[in-house]
Amino acid sequence: MSHDVLETYRNCPFCLKLLFEPVSTLCGHTFCLLCLQHFILTSNHVLRCPICREDLTYLRSNSNHLKANSILHNLFRHVYEKEYEIRRNETENERKNIIKKRLIIGNTHQLLLRDSDHTRHEWTLFIKFENDDQNEITQFIKQIIINLHPTFRPSQIILDKAPFRLTRIGW
């Protein structure tokens, strides 16, 4: 492989740095593993390759199981030895700073009244971290906008402090 060709494909289209732990998609484009994982996690809509717009939805269910292209990994590691070591250190530092939290969104229900004419229910929507540390959640969530059925007044509610819970009574 010519050094000029290698130079053309050596940088990640996301971070514009030397590809580290390069991962190739089915459409043939290559990205840093960490960059591609971040792209998958932060894309809200249909997941498309930023280069050719090919559908990459299949990556959503496999983002934790992506494997680096070992041929490119070894090639870049040998050809760009010093720069590759710098990228390895940068990536290790980035990984140390990644915070993973499991967000739980759910509701509880309680039957308040049941007779022949009426049935009343109390519903509580909650949003919390798995470890239920409500003080910590405000470091990550500033506000939650809840749109209720128009028969509820007000029909839009903004929760801006923990605990993020909303209770309403309905039928």
Protein backbone atom coordinates (compact mmCIF):
# COMPACT_ATOMS: atom_id res chain seq x y z
CA MET A 1 0.00 0.00 0.00
CA SER A 2 1.43 3.34 -1.06
CA HIS A 3 2.19 5.79 1.74
CA ASP A 4 0.09 8.46 -0.08
CA VAL A 5 -2.96 6.16 -0.11
CA LEU A 6 -2.41 5.38 3.56
CA GLU A 7 -2.23 9.12 4.35
CA THR A 8 -5.58 9.64 2.60
CA TYR A 9 -7.39 7.15 4.87
CA ARG A 10 -5.50 7.53 8.14
CA ASN A 11 -7.81 10.03 9.89
CA CYS A 12 -11.19 9.41 11.50
CA PRO A 13 -13.97 11.44 9.82
CA PHE A 14 -15.35 12.30 13.28
CA CYS A 15 -12.36 13.41 15.36
CA LEU A 16 -10.04 14.10 12.38
CA LYS A 17 -7.20 12.37 14.21
CA LEU A 18 -5.30 9.19 13.44
CA LEU A 19 -7.72 6.25 13.49
CA PHE A 20 -7.39 4.45 16.80
CA GLU A 21 -8.98 1.01 17.16
CA PRO A 22 -10.41 1.46 13.64
CA VAL A 23 -13.85 -0.04 13.00
CA SER A 24 -15.21 -0.49 9.48
CA THR A 25 -18.93 -0.40 8.73
CA LEU A 26 -20.68 -2.58 6.14
CA CYS A 27 -20.60 0.38 3.74
CA GLY A 28 -16.81 0.33 3.99
CA HIS A 29 -16.16 3.51 5.95
CA THR A 30 -13.83 3.43 8.93
CA PHE A 31 -13.99 5.32 12.23
CA CYS A 32 -12.31 5.22 15.63
CA LEU A 33 -14.12 2.72 17.85
CA LEU A 34 -14.84 5.32 20.54
CA CYS A 35 -16.02 7.90 17.98
CA LEU A 36 -18.40 5.41 16.36
CA GLN A 37 -19.78 4.30 19.74
CA HIS A 38 -20.39 7.94 20.70
CA PHE A 39 -22.11 8.58 17.35
CA ILE A 40 -24.38 5.56 17.85
CA LEU A 41 -25.32 6.58 21.40
CA THR A 42 -26.06 10.22 20.54
CA SER A 43 -27.97 9.75 17.26
CA ASN A 44 -31.67 10.29 17.86
CA HIS A 45 -33.10 9.25 14.53
CA VAL A 46 -32.31 6.70 11.85
CA LEU A 47 -28.63 5.88 12.13
CA ARG A 48 -26.89 6.73 8.86
CA CYS A 49 -23.25 6.73 7.83
CA PRO A 50 -22.05 10.35 7.93
CA ILE A 51 -20.06 9.76 4.73
CA CYS A 52 -22.47 7.96 2.37
CA ARG A 53 -25.81 8.06 4.32
CA GLU A 54 -26.05 4.22 4.28
CA ASP A 55 -28.35 2.80 6.96
CA LEU A 56 -26.32 1.80 10.03
CA THR A 57 -29.25 0.90 12.28
CA TYR A 58 -27.81 -2.60 12.71
CA LEU A 59 -25.04 -1.05 14.82
CA ARG A 60 -27.45 0.10 17.57
CA SER A 61 -27.86 -3.38 19.00
CA ASN A 62 -24.16 -4.17 18.62
CA SER A 63 -22.41 -0.97 19.71
CA ASN A 64 -20.86 -2.63 22.76
CA HIS A 65 -19.63 -5.55 20.64
CA LEU A 66 -17.87 -3.66 17.84
CA LYS A 67 -14.44 -5.06 17.05
CA ALA A 68 -11.45 -3.11 15.81
CA ASN A 69 -10.17 -3.96 12.34
CA SER A 70 -6.97 -5.74 13.39
CA ILE A 71 -5.25 -5.28 10.01
CA LEU A 72 -5.69 -1.49 10.06
CA HIS A 73 -4.97 -1.40 13.79
CA ASN A 74 -1.61 -3.13 13.35
CA LEU A 75 -0.78 -1.19 10.19
CA PHE A 76 -1.39 2.22 11.80
CA ARG A 77 0.34 1.13 15.00
CA HIS A 78 3.53 0.31 13.07
CA VAL A 79 3.53 3.07 10.44
CA TYR A 80 2.53 5.88 12.83
CA GLU A 81 4.10 4.48 15.99
CA LYS A 82 4.51 7.71 18.04
CA GLU A 83 1.20 9.25 16.98
CA TYR A 84 -0.59 5.96 17.65
CA GLU A 85 0.81 5.88 21.18
CA ILE A 86 -0.47 9.45 21.75
CA ARG A 87 -3.92 8.40 20.48
CA ARG A 88 -3.88 5.36 22.76
CA ASN A 89 -3.21 7.61 25.78
CA GLU A 90 -5.93 10.08 24.72
CA THR A 91 -8.46 7.28 24.27
CA GLU A 92 -7.63 5.67 27.61
CA ASN A 93 -8.13 9.04 29.33
CA GLU A 94 -11.46 9.54 27.53
CA ARG A 95 -12.65 6.09 28.59
CA LYS A 96 -11.79 6.86 32.22
CA ASN A 97 -14.03 9.93 32.06
CA ILE A 98 -17.05 8.16 30.59
CA ILE A 99 -19.88 7.88 33.09
CA LYS A 100 -22.47 5.19 32.47
CA LYS A 101 -25.81 5.49 34.20
CA ARG A 102 -28.93 3.41 33.80
CA LEU A 103 -31.98 5.65 33.63
CA ILE A 104 -35.28 4.09 34.70
CA ILE A 105 -38.55 5.59 33.47
CA GLY A 106 -41.67 4.02 34.88
CA ASN A 107 -44.92 4.49 36.72
CA THR A 108 -46.76 3.23 39.74
CA HIS A 109 -50.47 2.75 40.14
CA GLN A 110 -52.84 2.66 43.07
CA LEU A 111 -56.59 2.08 42.95
CA LEU A 112 -58.22 4.78 45.09
CA LEU A 113 -61.93 4.15 44.70
CA ARG A 114 -64.06 1.51 43.11
CA ASP A 115 -67.81 1.50 43.23
CA SER A 116 -70.59 0.92 40.75
CA ASP A 117 -70.41 4.47 39.38
CA HIS A 118 -66.75 5.47 39.70
CA THR A 119 -63.27 4.12 39.51
CA ARG A 120 -60.39 6.41 40.47
CA HIS A 121 -56.72 5.69 40.05
CA GLU A 122 -53.57 7.41 41.22
CA TRP A 123 -50.72 7.22 38.72
CA THR A 124 -47.18 8.36 39.44
CA LEU A 125 -44.63 8.79 36.67
CA PHE A 126 -41.02 8.57 37.85
CA ILE A 127 -37.63 9.06 36.29
CA LYS A 128 -34.62 7.95 38.32
CA PHE A 129 -31.21 6.35 38.16
CA GLU A 130 -30.99 2.66 38.86
CA ASN A 131 -29.13 3.34 42.12
CA ASP A 132 -31.91 5.82 43.05
CA ASP A 133 -29.49 8.62 44.05
CA GLN A 134 -31.84 11.56 43.47
CA ASN A 135 -29.22 14.16 44.38
CA GLU A 136 -26.91 12.91 41.66
CA ILE A 137 -29.55 12.89 38.92
CA THR A 138 -29.70 16.70 38.79
CA GLN A 139 -26.09 16.73 37.59
CA PHE A 140 -27.30 15.03 34.40
CA ILE A 141 -30.92 16.13 33.97
CA LYS A 142 -31.85 19.80 34.12
CA GLN A 143 -35.53 19.48 33.26
CA ILE A 144 -38.15 17.06 32.05
CA ILE A 145 -41.09 18.21 29.96
CA ILE A 146 -44.19 16.05 30.32
CA ASN A 147 -47.08 16.36 27.88
CA LEU A 148 -50.32 15.01 29.32
CA HIS A 149 -53.66 14.37 27.66
CA PRO A 150 -55.44 17.70 27.00
CA THR A 151 -58.12 16.84 29.59
CA PHE A 152 -55.48 17.32 32.31
CA ARG A 153 -54.80 20.90 33.38
CA PRO A 154 -52.14 21.99 32.82
CA SER A 155 -51.48 19.60 29.97
CA GLN A 156 -47.75 20.36 29.93
CA ILE A 157 -45.67 20.13 33.09
CA ILE A 158 -42.00 20.92 33.51
CA LEU A 159 -40.09 19.16 36.28
CA ASP A 160 -36.84 20.98 37.02
CA LYS A 161 -35.63 19.43 40.27
CA ALA A 162 -35.36 16.00 41.84
CA PRO A 163 -37.19 13.87 42.58
CA PHE A 164 -38.53 13.73 39.03
CA ARG A 165 -42.03 12.45 39.81
CA LEU A 166 -45.50 13.46 38.74
CA THR A 167 -48.67 12.13 40.36
CA ARG A 168 -52.14 12.54 38.87
CA ILE A 169 -55.54 11.07 39.65
CA GLY A 170 -57.61 9.76 36.79
CA TRP A 171 -60.35 7.30 35.99
